[in-house]
Amino acid sequence: MLNVSKGRLYYEPVGIDPYSLELMDLIDRQFTETPFYGSRRMTAWLNRWGYPVNRKRVQRLMRLMALEAIYPRTNISKRRKDHEVYPY
């Protein structure tokens, strides 16, 4: 009738568990100190401090918080005005 499945009606989204919230707090605090840490370094840092976690979880949480590591990007598309342009 309404073209809506029963599963969609009965589904209740599960909230974020307390351990993930604690990890998100730690990741946020560490990211403000070291914004160049990506998911791999952040995972190593958390494991060193006694929080057993894998990289995929840290990656997911960082994506959820919209955190992206700062690193030098490639700069290959900028041309110089004084360089000669060669025809193909």
N, C-alpha and C. Protein backbone atom coordinates (compact mmCIF):
# COMPACT_ATOMS: atom_id res chain seq x y z
N MET A 1 0.80 -1.19 0.00
CA MET A 1 0.00 0.00 0.00
C MET A 1 0.85 1.27 0.00
N LEU A 2 1.73 1.38 0.99
CA LEU A 2 2.57 2.57 1.07
C LEU A 2 3.94 2.35 0.45
N ASN A 3 4.19 1.13 -0.04
CA ASN A 3 5.49 0.77 -0.61
C ASN A 3 6.64 0.98 0.38
N VAL A 4 6.39 0.66 1.65
CA VAL A 4 7.42 0.74 2.69
C VAL A 4 7.53 -0.64 3.32
N SER A 5 8.75 -1.14 3.45
CA SER A 5 8.93 -2.46 4.02
C SER A 5 8.71 -2.45 5.53
N LYS A 6 8.36 -3.62 6.07
CA LYS A 6 8.13 -3.73 7.52
C LYS A 6 9.42 -3.50 8.29
N GLY A 7 10.51 -3.96 7.72
CA GLY A 7 11.79 -3.79 8.39
C GLY A 7 12.14 -2.33 8.61
N ARG A 8 11.77 -1.50 7.67
CA ARG A 8 12.04 -0.06 7.80
C ARG A 8 11.21 0.56 8.92
N LEU A 9 10.01 0.05 9.11
CA LEU A 9 9.14 0.58 10.15
C LEU A 9 9.60 0.19 11.55
N TYR A 10 10.10 -1.04 11.70
CA TYR A 10 10.45 -1.54 13.02
C TYR A 10 11.90 -1.28 13.40
N TYR A 11 12.72 -0.82 12.49
CA TYR A 11 14.14 -0.61 12.77
C TYR A 11 14.33 0.56 13.72
N GLU A 12 15.09 0.33 14.77
CA GLU A 12 15.48 1.41 15.68
C GLU A 12 16.99 1.54 15.62
N PRO A 13 17.51 2.69 15.20
CA PRO A 13 18.96 2.84 15.08
C PRO A 13 19.64 2.72 16.44
N VAL A 14 20.77 2.04 16.44
CA VAL A 14 21.54 1.85 17.65
C VAL A 14 22.47 3.04 17.81
N GLY A 15 22.56 3.57 19.01
CA GLY A 15 23.44 4.70 19.27
C GLY A 15 24.90 4.28 19.30
N ILE A 16 25.76 5.23 19.54
CA ILE A 16 27.20 4.97 19.61
C ILE A 16 27.52 4.44 21.00
N ASP A 17 28.28 3.34 21.06
CA ASP A 17 28.60 2.73 22.35
C ASP A 17 29.59 3.60 23.14
N PRO A 18 29.63 3.45 24.46
CA PRO A 18 30.48 4.31 25.31
C PRO A 18 31.97 4.22 24.97
N TYR A 19 32.44 3.03 24.58
CA TYR A 19 33.86 2.88 24.24
C TYR A 19 34.21 3.71 23.00
N SER A 20 33.32 3.71 22.02
CA SER A 20 33.56 4.52 20.82
C SER A 20 33.53 6.01 21.16
N LEU A 21 32.65 6.41 22.06
CA LEU A 21 32.62 7.82 22.48
C LEU A 21 33.92 8.21 23.18
N GLU A 22 34.44 7.30 24.00
CA GLU A 22 35.71 7.56 24.67
C GLU A 22 36.84 7.67 23.64
N LEU A 23 36.83 6.76 22.67
CA LEU A 23 37.84 6.81 21.60
C LEU A 23 37.73 8.10 20.80
N MET A 24 36.51 8.53 20.51
CA MET A 24 36.31 9.76 19.75
C MET A 24 36.85 10.96 20.52
N ASP A 25 36.67 10.97 21.83
CA ASP A 25 37.20 12.05 22.66
C ASP A 25 38.72 12.05 22.63
N LEU A 26 39.33 10.87 22.76
CA LEU A 26 40.79 10.77 22.71
C LEU A 26 41.33 11.17 21.34
N ILE A 27 40.68 10.71 20.28
CA ILE A 27 41.11 11.05 18.92
C ILE A 27 41.01 12.55 18.70
N ASP A 28 39.94 13.15 19.17
CA ASP A 28 39.75 14.60 19.00
C ASP A 28 40.83 15.38 19.73
N ARG A 29 41.12 14.99 20.98
CA ARG A 29 42.16 15.70 21.74
C ARG A 29 43.53 15.54 21.09
N GLN A 30 43.85 14.31 20.65
CA GLN A 30 45.16 14.09 20.03
C GLN A 30 45.24 14.79 18.68
N PHE A 31 44.13 14.84 17.95
CA PHE A 31 44.15 15.47 16.63
C PHE A 31 44.38 16.98 16.73
N THR A 32 43.91 17.61 17.81
CA THR A 32 44.17 19.05 17.98
C THR A 32 45.64 19.30 18.24
N GLU A 33 46.33 18.35 18.88
CA GLU A 33 47.77 18.50 19.12
C GLU A 33 48.58 18.13 17.88
N THR A 34 48.17 17.07 17.20
CA THR A 34 48.92 16.57 16.04
C THR A 34 47.97 16.38 14.87
N PRO A 35 47.64 17.45 14.14
CA PRO A 35 46.68 17.33 13.03
C PRO A 35 47.23 16.57 11.82
N PHE A 36 48.49 16.21 11.85
CA PHE A 36 49.08 15.47 10.74
C PHE A 36 48.99 13.96 10.96
N TYR A 37 48.40 13.52 12.05
CA TYR A 37 48.20 12.09 12.30
C TYR A 37 47.02 11.59 11.49
N GLY A 38 47.25 10.58 10.70
CA GLY A 38 46.17 9.92 9.98
C GLY A 38 45.65 8.74 10.80
N SER A 39 44.90 7.88 10.17
CA SER A 39 44.31 6.76 10.91
C SER A 39 45.37 5.77 11.37
N ARG A 40 46.42 5.58 10.60
CA ARG A 40 47.46 4.61 10.98
C ARG A 40 48.23 5.07 12.21
N ARG A 41 48.66 6.32 12.19
CA ARG A 41 49.40 6.85 13.34
C ARG A 41 48.51 6.97 14.57
N MET A 42 47.27 7.36 14.35
CA MET A 42 46.34 7.50 15.47
C MET A 42 46.08 6.13 16.10
N THR A 43 45.97 5.09 15.28
CA THR A 43 45.79 3.73 15.79
C THR A 43 46.98 3.31 16.62
N ALA A 44 48.18 3.58 16.12
CA ALA A 44 49.40 3.23 16.86
C ALA A 44 49.45 3.98 18.18
N TRP A 45 49.07 5.25 18.17
CA TRP A 45 49.08 6.05 19.40
C TRP A 45 48.08 5.50 20.42
N LEU A 46 46.87 5.16 19.96
CA LEU A 46 45.86 4.61 20.87
C LEU A 46 46.30 3.26 21.44
N ASN A 47 46.89 2.41 20.61
CA ASN A 47 47.37 1.11 21.09
C ASN A 47 48.49 1.28 22.10
N ARG A 48 49.35 2.26 21.88
CA ARG A 48 50.45 2.53 22.82
C ARG A 48 49.91 2.96 24.18
N TRP A 49 48.81 3.69 24.20
CA TRP A 49 48.21 4.18 25.44
C TRP A 49 47.23 3.18 26.05
N GLY A 50 47.16 1.97 25.52
CA GLY A 50 46.37 0.92 26.14
C GLY A 50 44.93 0.83 25.68
N TYR A 51 44.63 1.36 24.51
CA TYR A 51 43.28 1.26 23.94
C TYR A 51 43.35 0.35 22.72
N PRO A 52 43.04 -0.94 22.89
CA PRO A 52 43.14 -1.86 21.75
C PRO A 52 42.07 -1.55 20.70
N VAL A 53 42.53 -1.15 19.54
CA VAL A 53 41.62 -0.76 18.47
C VAL A 53 42.33 -1.01 17.14
N ASN A 54 41.56 -1.32 16.10
CA ASN A 54 42.20 -1.51 14.79
C ASN A 54 42.00 -0.28 13.92
N ARG A 55 42.69 -0.26 12.81
CA ARG A 55 42.72 0.93 11.96
C ARG A 55 41.37 1.24 11.34
N LYS A 56 40.61 0.21 10.98
CA LYS A 56 39.32 0.46 10.34
C LYS A 56 38.36 1.19 11.28
N ARG A 57 38.43 0.86 12.55
CA ARG A 57 37.56 1.54 13.52
C ARG A 57 37.96 3.00 13.66
N VAL A 58 39.27 3.24 13.76
CA VAL A 58 39.77 4.62 13.87
C VAL A 58 39.42 5.39 12.61
N GLN A 59 39.57 4.76 11.46
CA GLN A 59 39.23 5.39 10.18
C GLN A 59 37.76 5.79 10.15
N ARG A 60 36.89 4.89 10.59
CA ARG A 60 35.45 5.15 10.60
C ARG A 60 35.12 6.29 11.55
N LEU A 61 35.72 6.29 12.74
CA LEU A 61 35.44 7.34 13.71
C LEU A 61 35.97 8.70 13.24
N MET A 62 37.15 8.70 12.61
CA MET A 62 37.69 9.96 12.10
C MET A 62 36.82 10.49 10.97
N ARG A 63 36.31 9.60 10.13
CA ARG A 63 35.41 10.02 9.05
C ARG A 63 34.11 10.56 9.63
N LEU A 64 33.62 9.92 10.70
CA LEU A 64 32.39 10.36 11.35
C LEU A 64 32.56 11.75 11.95
N MET A 65 33.77 12.05 12.46
CA MET A 65 34.04 13.37 13.05
C MET A 65 34.55 14.37 12.02
N ALA A 66 34.66 13.95 10.77
CA ALA A 66 35.15 14.79 9.67
C ALA A 66 36.57 15.28 9.91
N LEU A 67 37.43 14.38 10.40
CA LEU A 67 38.84 14.70 10.62
C LEU A 67 39.65 14.11 9.48
N GLU A 68 40.51 14.92 8.92
CA GLU A 68 41.38 14.47 7.84
C GLU A 68 42.78 15.00 8.11
N ALA A 69 43.76 14.15 7.99
CA ALA A 69 45.13 14.54 8.28
C ALA A 69 45.62 15.62 7.32
N ILE A 70 46.46 16.49 7.85
CA ILE A 70 47.05 17.55 7.04
C ILE A 70 48.37 17.02 6.50
N TYR A 71 48.54 17.06 5.20
CA TYR A 71 49.80 16.63 4.59
C TYR A 71 49.99 17.41 3.30
N PRO A 72 51.23 17.54 2.83
CA PRO A 72 51.46 18.29 1.59
C PRO A 72 50.85 17.58 0.39
N ARG A 73 50.04 18.26 -0.35
CA ARG A 73 49.41 17.70 -1.54
C ARG A 73 50.34 17.86 -2.74
N THR A 74 50.07 17.11 -3.80
CA THR A 74 50.87 17.25 -5.00
C THR A 74 50.59 18.60 -5.65
N ASN A 75 51.59 19.13 -6.28
CA ASN A 75 51.50 20.47 -6.83
C ASN A 75 51.97 20.45 -8.28
N ILE A 76 51.46 19.53 -9.08
CA ILE A 76 52.02 19.32 -10.41
C ILE A 76 51.27 20.03 -11.52
N SER A 77 50.16 20.65 -11.25
CA SER A 77 49.36 21.23 -12.32
C SER A 77 49.53 22.74 -12.48
N LYS A 78 50.47 23.34 -11.79
CA LYS A 78 50.65 24.78 -11.90
C LYS A 78 51.75 25.06 -12.91
N ARG A 79 51.46 25.89 -13.88
CA ARG A 79 52.45 26.18 -14.91
C ARG A 79 53.16 27.49 -14.60
N ARG A 80 54.32 27.62 -15.16
CA ARG A 80 55.11 28.85 -15.02
C ARG A 80 54.90 29.70 -16.26
N LYS A 81 54.74 31.00 -16.09
CA LYS A 81 54.50 31.90 -17.21
C LYS A 81 55.71 32.02 -18.13
N ASP A 82 56.91 31.93 -17.55
CA ASP A 82 58.11 32.13 -18.36
C ASP A 82 58.58 30.87 -19.10
N HIS A 83 57.94 29.72 -18.86
CA HIS A 83 58.32 28.51 -19.56
C HIS A 83 57.69 28.47 -20.95
N GLU A 84 58.43 27.93 -21.89
CA GLU A 84 57.93 27.83 -23.25
C GLU A 84 56.93 26.69 -23.36
N VAL A 85 55.87 26.90 -24.14
CA VAL A 85 54.87 25.87 -24.36
C VAL A 85 55.19 25.18 -25.67
N TYR A 86 55.36 23.86 -25.62
CA TYR A 86 55.72 23.10 -26.80
C TYR A 86 54.47 22.48 -27.42
N PRO A 87 54.31 22.58 -28.74
CA PRO A 87 53.16 21.96 -29.38
C PRO A 87 53.33 20.44 -29.42
N TYR A 88 52.23 19.74 -29.42
CA TYR A 88 52.27 18.28 -29.49
C TYR A 88 52.40 17.82 -30.91
